[in-house]
C-alpha atoms as a PDB file:
ATOM      1  CA  MET A   1      89.670 105.141 124.045  1.00  0.00           C
ATOM      2  CA  THR A   2      90.135 101.439 123.490  1.00  0.00           C
ATOM      3  CA  TYR A   3      88.345  99.175 121.016  1.00  0.00           C
ATOM      4  CA  SER A   4      86.291  97.518 123.771  1.00  0.00           C
ATOM      5  CA  GLU A   5      85.236 100.907 125.215  1.00  0.00           C
ATOM      6  CA  ALA A   6      84.127 102.148 121.765  1.00  0.00           C
ATOM      7  CA  ARG A   7      82.346  98.859 121.052  1.00  0.00           C
ATOM      8  CA  ALA A   8      80.319  99.192 124.267  1.00  0.00           C
ATOM      9  CA  GLN A   9      78.928 102.543 122.931  1.00  0.00           C
ATOM     10  CA  PRO A  10      77.422 101.923 119.460  1.00  0.00           C
ATOM     11  CA  ARG A  11      76.909 105.635 118.734  1.00  0.00           C
ATOM     12  CA  VAL A  12      80.527 106.496 119.519  1.00  0.00           C
ATOM     13  CA  PHE A  13      81.694 103.436 117.591  1.00  0.00           C
ATOM     14  CA  ARG A  14      79.826 104.628 114.502  1.00  0.00           C
ATOM     15  CA  GLN A  15      81.264 108.142 114.846  1.00  0.00           C
ATOM     16  CA  LEU A  16      84.812 106.766 115.049  1.00  0.00           C
ATOM     17  CA  THR A  17      84.587 104.175 112.288  1.00  0.00           C
ATOM     18  CA  GLY A  18      81.693 105.265 110.112  1.00  0.00           C
ATOM     19  CA  LEU A  19      80.326 101.720 110.452  1.00  0.00           C
ATOM     20  CA  MET A  20      77.781  99.973 112.628  1.00  0.00           C
ATOM     21  CA  ILE A  21      79.173  97.244 114.850  1.00  0.00           C
ATOM     22  CA  GLU A  22      77.610  94.520 112.729  1.00  0.00           C
ATOM     23  CA  GLU A  23      79.166  95.957 109.567  1.00  0.00           C
ATOM     24  CA  PHE A  24      82.520  96.227 111.292  1.00  0.00           C
ATOM     25  CA  ASP A  25      82.301  92.609 112.454  1.00  0.00           C
ATOM     26  CA  GLN A  26      81.748  91.514 108.827  1.00  0.00           C
ATOM     27  CA  LEU A  27      84.795  93.476 107.606  1.00  0.00           C
ATOM     28  CA  LEU A  28      87.159  92.683 110.428  1.00  0.00           C
ATOM     29  CA  PRO A  29      88.261  89.178 109.236  1.00  0.00           C
ATOM     30  CA  ALA A  30      89.109  90.498 105.820  1.00  0.00           C
ATOM     31  CA  PHE A  31      91.127  93.385 107.321  1.00  0.00           C
ATOM     32  CA  GLN A  32      92.948  91.020 109.655  1.00  0.00           C
ATOM     33  CA  ALA A  33      93.807  88.689 106.792  1.00  0.00           C
ATOM     34  CA  ALA A  34      95.030  91.626 104.620  1.00  0.00           C
ATOM     35  CA  TYR A  35      97.077  93.002 107.492  1.00  0.00           C
ATOM     36  CA  GLU A  36      98.699  89.622 108.237  1.00  0.00           C
ATOM     37  CA  GLY A  37      99.192  89.025 104.510  1.00  0.00           C
ATOM     38  CA  GLY A  38     100.990  92.373 104.183  1.00  0.00           C
ATOM     39  CA  ARG A  39     103.281  91.486 107.065  1.00  0.00           C
ATOM     40  CA  ARG A  40     104.117  88.118 105.530  1.00  0.00           C
ATOM     41  CA  GLN A  41     104.521  89.558 102.036  1.00  0.00           C
ATOM     42  CA  ARG A  42     107.689  91.384 103.043  1.00  0.00           C
ATOM     43  CA  GLN A  43     109.233  88.080 104.069  1.00  0.00           C
ATOM     44  CA  THR A  44     108.133  85.943 101.103  1.00  0.00           C
ATOM     45  CA  LYS A  45     109.224  85.622  97.497  1.00  0.00           C
ATOM     46  CA  PRO A  46     107.969  88.031  94.814  1.00  0.00           C
ATOM     47  CA  ARG A  47     104.692  87.337  93.027  1.00  0.00           C
ATOM     48  CA  GLN A  48     104.632  84.752  90.278  1.00  0.00           C
ATOM     49  CA  GLY A  49     105.685  86.299  87.008  1.00  0.00           C
ATOM     50  CA  ALA A  50     107.489  89.200  88.692  1.00  0.00           C
ATOM     51  CA  THR A  51     111.237  89.497  88.358  1.00  0.00           C
ATOM     52  CA  THR A  52     113.550  91.135  90.831  1.00  0.00           C
ATOM     53  CA  ARG A  53     117.140  92.107  90.429  1.00  0.00           C
ATOM     54  CA  GLN A  54     119.424  92.894  93.345  1.00  0.00           C
ATOM     55  CA  PRO A  55     122.953  94.205  93.208  1.00  0.00           C
ATOM     56  CA  THR A  56     125.780  91.850  94.033  1.00  0.00           C
ATOM     57  CA  LYS A  57     127.286  92.453  97.451  1.00  0.00           C
ATOM     58  CA  LYS A  58     131.023  92.831  97.771  1.00  0.00           C
ATOM     59  CA  PRO A  59     132.499  89.696  99.407  1.00  0.00           C
ATOM     60  CA  ARG A  60     134.414  90.186 102.622  1.00  0.00           C
ATOM     61  CA  GLY A  61     138.020  90.949 101.934  1.00  0.00           C
ATOM     62  CA  LYS A  62     137.599  90.802  98.168  1.00  0.00           C
ATOM     63  CA  GLU A  63     136.653  93.102  95.324  1.00  0.00           C
ATOM     64  CA  LEU A  64     133.822  92.894  92.833  1.00  0.00           C
ATOM     65  CA  THR A  65     134.694  92.001  89.248  1.00  0.00           C
ATOM     66  CA  SER A  66     134.270  94.694  86.599  1.00  0.00           C
ATOM     67  CA  GLU A  67     131.236  92.796  85.167  1.00  0.00           C
ATOM     68  CA  GLN A  68     129.576  92.767  88.615  1.00  0.00           C
ATOM     69  CA  LYS A  69     130.275  96.514  88.989  1.00  0.00           C
ATOM     70  CA  VAL A  70     128.670  97.238  85.583  1.00  0.00           C
ATOM     71  CA  GLU A  71     125.657  95.078  86.488  1.00  0.00           C
ATOM     72  CA  ASN A  72     125.293  96.847  89.862  1.00  0.00           C
ATOM     73  CA  ARG A  73     125.461 100.211  88.146  1.00  0.00           C
ATOM     74  CA  THR A  74     122.730  99.191  85.668  1.00  0.00           C
ATOM     75  CA  ILE A  75     120.460  97.921  88.450  1.00  0.00           C
ATOM     76  CA  SER A  76     121.052 101.151  90.373  1.00  0.00           C
ATOM     77  CA  GLN A  77     120.148 103.313  87.385  1.00  0.00           C
ATOM     78  CA  GLU A  78     116.886 101.398  86.856  1.00  0.00           C
ATOM     79  CA  ARG A  79     116.057 101.620  90.549  1.00  0.00           C
ATOM     80  CA  ILE A  80     116.578 105.398  90.566  1.00  0.00           C
ATOM     81  CA  ALA A  81     114.220 105.827  87.598  1.00  0.00           C
ATOM     82  CA  VAL A  82     111.550 103.799  89.396  1.00  0.00           C
ATOM     83  CA  GLU A  83     112.038 105.718  92.655  1.00  0.00           C
ATOM     84  CA  HIS A  84     111.749 109.057  90.864  1.00  0.00           C
ATOM     85  CA  SER A  85     108.529 107.879  89.201  1.00  0.00           C
ATOM     86  CA  LEU A  86     107.039 106.821  92.536  1.00  0.00           C
ATOM     87  CA  GLY A  87     108.089 110.095  94.116  1.00  0.00           C
ATOM     88  CA  GLY A  88     106.547 112.035  91.189  1.00  0.00           C
ATOM     89  CA  MET A  89     103.222 110.237  91.583  1.00  0.00           C
ATOM     90  CA  LYS A  90     103.184 111.205  95.237  1.00  0.00           C
ATOM     91  CA  ASN A  91     102.717 114.812  94.108  1.00  0.00           C
ATOM     92  CA  VAL A  92      99.108 113.752  93.656  1.00  0.00           C
ATOM     93  CA  HIS A  93      98.085 114.251  97.299  1.00  0.00           C
ATOM     94  CA  ILE A  94      95.544 111.416  97.390  1.00  0.00           C
ATOM     95  CA  VAL A  95      98.349 108.889  96.679  1.00  0.00           C
ATOM     96  CA  SER A  96     100.723 110.147  99.346  1.00  0.00           C
ATOM     97  CA  SER A  97      98.201 110.340 102.233  1.00  0.00           C
ATOM     98  CA  ALA A  98      96.150 107.666 103.923  1.00  0.00           C
ATOM     99  CA  PHE A  99      93.366 106.510 101.594  1.00  0.00           C
ATOM    100  CA  ARG A 100      90.118 105.822 103.518  1.00  0.00           C
ATOM    101  CA  ASN A 101      87.640 105.119 100.723  1.00  0.00           C
ATOM    102  CA  LEU A 102      86.273 101.590 101.119  1.00  0.00           C
ATOM    103  CA  LYS A 103      84.639 101.226  97.691  1.00  0.00           C
ATOM    104  CA  LYS A 104      85.889  98.085  95.970  1.00  0.00           C
ATOM    105  CA  GLY A 105      88.369  98.807  93.203  1.00  0.00           C
ATOM    106  CA  PHE A 106      88.393 102.561  93.808  1.00  0.00           C
ATOM    107  CA  ASP A 107      91.947 102.502  95.204  1.00  0.00           C
ATOM    108  CA  ASP A 108      93.167 100.972  91.936  1.00  0.00           C
ATOM    109  CA  LEU A 109      91.345 103.625  89.973  1.00  0.00           C
ATOM    110  CA  VAL A 110      92.929 106.396  92.012  1.00  0.00           C
ATOM    111  CA  MET A 111      96.430 104.954  91.400  1.00  0.00           C
ATOM    112  CA  GLU A 112      95.714 104.648  87.677  1.00  0.00           C
ATOM    113  CA  VAL A 113      94.607 108.310  87.491  1.00  0.00           C
ATOM    114  CA  ALA A 114      97.731 109.347  89.446  1.00  0.00           C
ATOM    115  CA  CYS A 115      99.974 107.350  87.076  1.00  0.00           C
ATOM    116  CA  GLY A 116      98.165 108.876  84.088  1.00  0.00           C
ATOM    117  CA  LEU A 117      98.645 112.402  85.432  1.00  0.00           C
ATOM    118  CA  PHE A 118     102.301 111.741  86.092  1.00  0.00           C
ATOM    119  CA  ASN A 119     102.845 110.399  82.564  1.00  0.00           C
ATOM    120  CA  PHE A 120     100.866 113.212  81.009  1.00  0.00           C
ATOM    121  CA  CYS A 121     102.965 115.831  82.915  1.00  0.00           C
ATOM    122  CA  GLY A 122     106.138 114.043  81.822  1.00  0.00           C
ATOM    123  CA  THR A 123     105.159 114.177  78.150  1.00  0.00           C
ATOM    124  CA  CYS A 124     104.224 117.883  78.471  1.00  0.00           C
ATOM    125  CA  ARG A 125     107.628 118.633  79.938  1.00  0.00           C
ATOM    126  CA  SER A 126     109.531 116.708  77.301  1.00  0.00           C
ATOM    127  CA  THR A 127     107.715 118.405  74.379  1.00  0.00           C
ATOM    128  CA  ALA A 128     107.997 121.957  75.687  1.00  0.00           C
END
């Protein structure tokens, strides 16, 4: 079923989206802007105040200096710790699956609870 077919049948449209057509029309511009913003975000610079560190690539036909290798190793160790933390939070099922709740600010609350649970489990493991 296409969008135009569902829109022609208000009852079916509500069953599929949980919204009336008028409600959907009000939300659609915000969703489109967020979708486009997410696509552009991957291509833009990091947020103001955020810092990023990337390893130094090996130049063609040359070797990295020992200082560059140490720096790359440090960055890699930090990245691994972050990746493990993100993977641990995904044990909370609501974080790893599609989140469909449209209440404003609720998605942030869910992530905060997941982070809190992850941190709590980590402290329980380290003290046992």
